[in-house]
Structure formats: C-alpha cells, structure tokens
Amino acid sequence: MPPQPQVRRNYLEFLKSFIGIVRILQILLGAGLWVTIAANKYEGSVHFVLFVAVFFWLLTLALFFVTLLDKQDLVPIVGGERWLLTNVIHDFAATLLYLSAIGIMIYKTDKNSFCNVKHYRPPCSFAVYLTGSVFACLTTCVYLLSAIYGSCRKCRGEQTVV
C-alpha cells in the first residue's frame, strides 16, 4: 500500500527543511570520516576518532529516521516536547567530541608529514590523516551549525524540529 499523500508531503517537507538537509550532510560527512579511517591502517588515539565518528553517525541516523517518520512522541523520556532539546544536546555533544577528534587527526597528520615527499617508498598514512582531518572539520562545522540553529529555535519557544 503506497503512503498517503499527507505522509509523503511530511517526508518531503522534512527533507527540504534546513534541519533535514543538515542531518543528511552530517550522515554523509560522518560516514566519509569513519570509512576513510576504517579502510586504512590506524593506531593509537585514532581509535577514539573512529569511535566518535561511528557513534555519532549511528545516533544521527536514528534521529534522522525518527524525525523523518514523525515518531518522536514514541521515544521515552527524550521524545515529544523535549525532542528539539534532545537534538540540540546531541548536536552540541557531537561538536565537542568532534573538536577533540579534529585535534587528534591534525596531530597525526603533522606527525606523518615527513613521508609526504615524492620518492618516499614505505607506506604512509599522511593522506589518510589529512583526508580524515578535512572530514572531521567539515562534520564539526555542520554539527555546530545545527546546534546553533536548534538553540535559536528553542530560545524562540518552538517545540518542533521542523
């Protein structure tokens, strides 16, 4: 049975909204970060970066689909009237942890910058860490933008995400 016209309109309304576009960007950039790291050899503190990327990717995916399906009222404790606040807290927490991930990735990039010469033969993680740093920075910016937008909506007394 195809979805009702009203339901389809709600999906499209959310996907075309600012928060819908930002959530899609968060999902894509977060996936870019963790796939870049996981597809290559990594060690030490990069495990934390991978944890942050996968953890917030999964949480953002869950928030995205719950909001898309308009089922936030079914989420115990943090749903319903608190859904906008839940999203803002999630976005600020992601921003803070991604900031530490940026620091780790920049440190690792700098530490491996010696192998960024033309005739260096052994395997080098410089390009991977540099790409990860870029993805982490972009993802942090998108989470911060979403947190500020949600905070402004909350301060104006709005209760819904869209």
C-alpha atoms as a PDB file:
ATOM      1  CA  MET A   1       0.000   0.000   0.000  1.00  0.00           C
ATOM      2  CA  PRO A   2       1.580   3.327  -1.030  1.00  0.00           C
ATOM      3  CA  PRO A   3       1.947   6.068   1.582  1.00  0.00           C
ATOM      4  CA  GLN A   4      -0.861   8.562   1.972  1.00  0.00           C
ATOM      5  CA  PRO A   5      -0.389  11.942   0.222  1.00  0.00           C
ATOM      6  CA  GLN A   6      -0.198  13.736   3.607  1.00  0.00           C
ATOM      7  CA  VAL A   7       2.539  11.387   4.831  1.00  0.00           C
ATOM      8  CA  ARG A   8       4.537  11.829   1.609  1.00  0.00           C
ATOM      9  CA  ARG A   9       4.214  15.613   1.949  1.00  0.00           C
ATOM     10  CA  ASN A  10       5.548  15.407   5.544  1.00  0.00           C
ATOM     11  CA  TYR A  11       8.555  13.394   4.320  1.00  0.00           C
ATOM     12  CA  LEU A  12       9.293  15.930   1.609  1.00  0.00           C
ATOM     13  CA  GLU A  13       8.746  18.846   3.984  1.00  0.00           C
ATOM     14  CA  PHE A  14      11.317  17.413   6.406  1.00  0.00           C
ATOM     15  CA  LEU A  15      13.820  16.514   3.691  1.00  0.00           C
ATOM     16  CA  LYS A  16      13.609  20.025   2.210  1.00  0.00           C
ATOM     17  CA  SER A  17      13.870  21.753   5.581  1.00  0.00           C
ATOM     18  CA  PHE A  18      17.128  23.187   6.907  1.00  0.00           C
ATOM     19  CA  ILE A  19      17.448  20.541   9.615  1.00  0.00           C
ATOM     20  CA  GLY A  20      16.722  17.730   7.139  1.00  0.00           C
ATOM     21  CA  ILE A  21      19.460  18.895   4.786  1.00  0.00           C
ATOM     22  CA  VAL A  22      21.877  19.373   7.685  1.00  0.00           C
ATOM     23  CA  ARG A  23      21.132  15.870   9.026  1.00  0.00           C
ATOM     24  CA  ILE A  24      21.826  14.369   5.606  1.00  0.00           C
ATOM     25  CA  LEU A  25      25.134  16.271   5.463  1.00  0.00           C
ATOM     26  CA  GLN A  26      26.025  15.044   8.964  1.00  0.00           C
ATOM     27  CA  ILE A  27      25.339  11.453   7.930  1.00  0.00           C
ATOM     28  CA  LEU A  28      27.340  11.708   4.701  1.00  0.00           C
ATOM     29  CA  LEU A  29      30.336  13.557   6.177  1.00  0.00           C
ATOM     30  CA  GLY A  30      30.426  11.340   9.285  1.00  0.00           C
ATOM     31  CA  ALA A  31      30.351   8.244   7.085  1.00  0.00           C
ATOM     32  CA  GLY A  32      33.124   9.743   4.971  1.00  0.00           C
ATOM     33  CA  LEU A  33      35.270  10.164   8.080  1.00  0.00           C
ATOM     34  CA  TRP A  34      34.843   6.720   9.531  1.00  0.00           C
ATOM     35  CA  VAL A  35      35.108   4.938   6.177  1.00  0.00           C
ATOM     36  CA  THR A  36      38.323   6.850   5.424  1.00  0.00           C
ATOM     37  CA  ILE A  37      39.837   5.805   8.743  1.00  0.00           C
ATOM     38  CA  ALA A  38      38.488   2.251   8.844  1.00  0.00           C
ATOM     39  CA  ALA A  39      39.613   1.448   5.290  1.00  0.00           C
ATOM     40  CA  ASN A  40      43.240   2.153   6.197  1.00  0.00           C
ATOM     41  CA  LYS A  41      45.725   1.150   8.850  1.00  0.00           C
ATOM     42  CA  TYR A  42      45.356   3.193  12.036  1.00  0.00           C
ATOM     43  CA  GLU A  43      46.651   3.004  15.579  1.00  0.00           C
ATOM     44  CA  GLY A  44      46.592   4.651  18.976  1.00  0.00           C
ATOM     45  CA  SER A  45      44.408   7.681  19.519  1.00  0.00           C
ATOM     46  CA  VAL A  46      42.750   7.322  16.113  1.00  0.00           C
ATOM     47  CA  HIS A  47      40.599   4.626  17.725  1.00  0.00           C
ATOM     48  CA  PHE A  48      38.875   7.428  19.650  1.00  0.00           C
ATOM     49  CA  VAL A  49      38.250   9.342  16.411  1.00  0.00           C
ATOM     50  CA  LEU A  50      36.732   6.224  14.877  1.00  0.00           C
ATOM     51  CA  PHE A  51      34.562   5.711  17.975  1.00  0.00           C
ATOM     52  CA  VAL A  52      33.286   9.309  17.852  1.00  0.00           C
ATOM     53  CA  ALA A  53      32.590   9.113  14.121  1.00  0.00           C
ATOM     54  CA  VAL A  54      30.699   5.806  14.251  1.00  0.00           C
ATOM     55  CA  PHE A  55      28.847   6.616  17.490  1.00  0.00           C
ATOM     56  CA  PHE A  56      27.513   9.963  16.285  1.00  0.00           C
ATOM     57  CA  TRP A  57      26.871   8.598  12.802  1.00  0.00           C
ATOM     58  CA  LEU A  58      24.575   5.952  14.295  1.00  0.00           C
ATOM     59  CA  LEU A  59      22.878   8.433  16.663  1.00  0.00           C
ATOM     60  CA  THR A  60      22.356  10.941  13.849  1.00  0.00           C
ATOM     61  CA  LEU A  61      20.939   8.197  11.641  1.00  0.00           C
ATOM     62  CA  ALA A  62      18.478   7.286  14.411  1.00  0.00           C
ATOM     63  CA  LEU A  63      17.477  10.933  14.977  1.00  0.00           C
ATOM     64  CA  PHE A  64      17.061  11.415  11.247  1.00  0.00           C
ATOM     65  CA  PHE A  65      14.731   8.455  10.771  1.00  0.00           C
ATOM     66  CA  VAL A  66      12.697   9.098  13.938  1.00  0.00           C
ATOM     67  CA  THR A  67      12.140  12.701  12.823  1.00  0.00           C
ATOM     68  CA  LEU A  68      11.509  11.690   9.205  1.00  0.00           C
ATOM     69  CA  LEU A  69       8.844   9.215  10.274  1.00  0.00           C
ATOM     70  CA  ASP A  70       7.454  11.750  12.787  1.00  0.00           C
ATOM     71  CA  LYS A  71       7.660   9.205  15.623  1.00  0.00           C
ATOM     72  CA  GLN A  72       9.420  11.376  18.224  1.00  0.00           C
ATOM     73  CA  ASP A  73       6.396  11.075  20.524  1.00  0.00           C
ATOM     74  CA  LEU A  74       7.118   7.346  20.857  1.00  0.00           C
ATOM     75  CA  VAL A  75      10.623   7.886  22.225  1.00  0.00           C
ATOM     76  CA  PRO A  76      10.530   7.581  26.019  1.00  0.00           C
ATOM     77  CA  ILE A  77      11.902  10.371  28.239  1.00  0.00           C
ATOM     78  CA  VAL A  78      13.610  12.449  25.491  1.00  0.00           C
ATOM     79  CA  GLY A  79      10.819  12.485  22.906  1.00  0.00           C
ATOM     80  CA  GLY A  80       7.685  14.533  22.496  1.00  0.00           C
ATOM     81  CA  GLU A  81       8.025  18.071  23.830  1.00  0.00           C
ATOM     82  CA  ARG A  82      11.714  17.537  24.597  1.00  0.00           C
ATOM     83  CA  TRP A  83      12.660  16.397  21.072  1.00  0.00           C
ATOM     84  CA  LEU A  84      14.109  19.756  19.979  1.00  0.00           C
ATOM     85  CA  LEU A  85      16.163  19.998  23.183  1.00  0.00           C
ATOM     86  CA  THR A  86      17.343  16.407  22.657  1.00  0.00           C
ATOM     87  CA  ASN A  87      18.520  17.286  19.156  1.00  0.00           C
ATOM     88  CA  VAL A  88      20.327  20.417  20.387  1.00  0.00           C
ATOM     89  CA  ILE A  89      22.111  18.497  23.169  1.00  0.00           C
ATOM     90  CA  HIS A  90      23.081  15.780  20.673  1.00  0.00           C
ATOM     91  CA  ASP A  91      24.485  18.360  18.257  1.00  0.00           C
ATOM     92  CA  PHE A  92      26.480  20.215  20.938  1.00  0.00           C
ATOM     93  CA  ALA A  93      27.882  16.941  22.320  1.00  0.00           C
ATOM     94  CA  ALA A  94      28.848  15.870  18.799  1.00  0.00           C
ATOM     95  CA  THR A  95      30.510  19.232  18.192  1.00  0.00           C
ATOM     96  CA  LEU A  96      32.585  18.961  21.381  1.00  0.00           C
ATOM     97  CA  LEU A  97      33.718  15.410  20.745  1.00  0.00           C
ATOM     98  CA  TYR A  98      34.413  16.103  17.079  1.00  0.00           C
ATOM     99  CA  LEU A  99      36.603  19.048  18.159  1.00  0.00           C
ATOM    100  CA  SER A 100      38.797  16.639  20.104  1.00  0.00           C
ATOM    101  CA  ALA A 101      38.765  14.297  17.095  1.00  0.00           C
ATOM    102  CA  ILE A 102      39.991  17.187  14.927  1.00  0.00           C
ATOM    103  CA  GLY A 103      42.868  17.757  17.347  1.00  0.00           C
ATOM    104  CA  ILE A 104      43.845  14.096  17.189  1.00  0.00           C
ATOM    105  CA  MET A 105      43.648  13.978  13.396  1.00  0.00           C
ATOM    106  CA  ILE A 106      45.683  17.173  12.994  1.00  0.00           C
ATOM    107  CA  TYR A 107      48.311  15.837  15.397  1.00  0.00           C
ATOM    108  CA  LYS A 108      48.512  12.551  13.466  1.00  0.00           C
ATOM    109  CA  THR A 109      48.689  14.421  10.150  1.00  0.00           C
ATOM    110  CA  ASP A 110      51.529  16.574  11.419  1.00  0.00           C
ATOM    111  CA  LYS A 111      53.314  13.557  12.890  1.00  0.00           C
ATOM    112  CA  ASN A 112      53.225  11.793   9.493  1.00  0.00           C
ATOM    113  CA  SER A 113      54.060  14.828   7.378  1.00  0.00           C
ATOM    114  CA  PHE A 114      57.651  13.593   6.892  1.00  0.00           C
ATOM    115  CA  CYS A 115      56.521  10.974   4.403  1.00  0.00           C
ATOM    116  CA  ASN A 116      54.845  13.470   2.098  1.00  0.00           C
ATOM    117  CA  VAL A 117      57.822  13.619  -0.241  1.00  0.00           C
ATOM    118  CA  LYS A 118      57.932  12.466  -3.822  1.00  0.00           C
ATOM    119  CA  HIS A 119      60.256   9.439  -3.552  1.00  0.00           C
ATOM    120  CA  TYR A 120      59.250   8.098  -0.125  1.00  0.00           C
ATOM    121  CA  ARG A 121      58.658   4.352  -0.590  1.00  0.00           C
ATOM    122  CA  PRO A 122      57.273   2.858   2.670  1.00  0.00           C
ATOM    123  CA  PRO A 123      53.526   3.030   3.348  1.00  0.00           C
ATOM    124  CA  CYS A 124      52.467   6.455   4.551  1.00  0.00           C
ATOM    125  CA  SER A 125      49.280   7.450   6.375  1.00  0.00           C
ATOM    126  CA  PHE A 126      49.672  11.179   5.738  1.00  0.00           C
ATOM    127  CA  ALA A 127      46.989  11.383   3.027  1.00  0.00           C
ATOM    128  CA  VAL A 128      44.560   9.318   5.098  1.00  0.00           C
ATOM    129  CA  TYR A 129      45.011  11.506   8.163  1.00  0.00           C
ATOM    130  CA  LEU A 130      44.776  14.671   6.089  1.00  0.00           C
ATOM    131  CA  THR A 131      41.540  13.473   4.484  1.00  0.00           C
ATOM    132  CA  GLY A 132      40.223  12.456   7.903  1.00  0.00           C
ATOM    133  CA  SER A 133      41.093  15.892   9.273  1.00  0.00           C
ATOM    134  CA  VAL A 134      39.140  17.575   6.493  1.00  0.00           C
ATOM    135  CA  PHE A 135      36.119  15.315   7.022  1.00  0.00           C
ATOM    136  CA  ALA A 136      36.275  15.892  10.800  1.00  0.00           C
ATOM    137  CA  CYS A 137      36.414  19.679  10.343  1.00  0.00           C
ATOM    138  CA  LEU A 138      33.508  19.725   7.902  1.00  0.00           C
ATOM    139  CA  THR A 139      31.432  17.413  10.099  1.00  0.00           C
ATOM    140  CA  THR A 140      32.112  19.578  13.159  1.00  0.00           C
ATOM    141  CA  CYS A 141      31.019  22.695  11.280  1.00  0.00           C
ATOM    142  CA  VAL A 142      27.764  21.049  10.234  1.00  0.00           C
ATOM    143  CA  TYR A 143      27.029  19.828  13.780  1.00  0.00           C
ATOM    144  CA  LEU A 144      27.799  23.285  15.184  1.00  0.00           C
ATOM    145  CA  LEU A 145      25.516  24.908  12.613  1.00  0.00           C
ATOM    146  CA  SER A 146      22.731  22.509  13.530  1.00  0.00           C
ATOM    147  CA  ALA A 147      23.256  23.105  17.266  1.00  0.00           C
ATOM    148  CA  ILE A 148      23.107  26.882  16.841  1.00  0.00           C
ATOM    149  CA  TYR A 149      20.008  26.641  14.643  1.00  0.00           C
ATOM    150  CA  GLY A 150      18.265  24.341  17.132  1.00  0.00           C
ATOM    151  CA  SER A 151      19.231  26.596  20.043  1.00  0.00           C
ATOM    152  CA  CYS A 152      17.769  29.625  18.278  1.00  0.00           C
ATOM    153  CA  ARG A 153      14.534  27.735  17.656  1.00  0.00           C
ATOM    154  CA  LYS A 154      14.431  26.619  21.299  1.00  0.00           C
ATOM    155  CA  CYS A 155      15.060  30.171  22.554  1.00  0.00           C
ATOM    156  CA  ARG A 156      12.124  31.414  20.458  1.00  0.00           C
ATOM    157  CA  GLY A 157       9.919  28.904  22.270  1.00  0.00           C
ATOM    158  CA  GLU A 158       9.438  26.457  19.421  1.00  0.00           C
ATOM    159  CA  GLN A 159       8.965  22.808  20.320  1.00  0.00           C
ATOM    160  CA  THR A 160       9.351  21.007  16.974  1.00  0.00           C
ATOM    161  CA  VAL A 161      12.477  20.249  14.986  1.00  0.00           C
ATOM    162  CA  VAL A 162      10.944  21.180  11.638  1.00  0.00           C
END
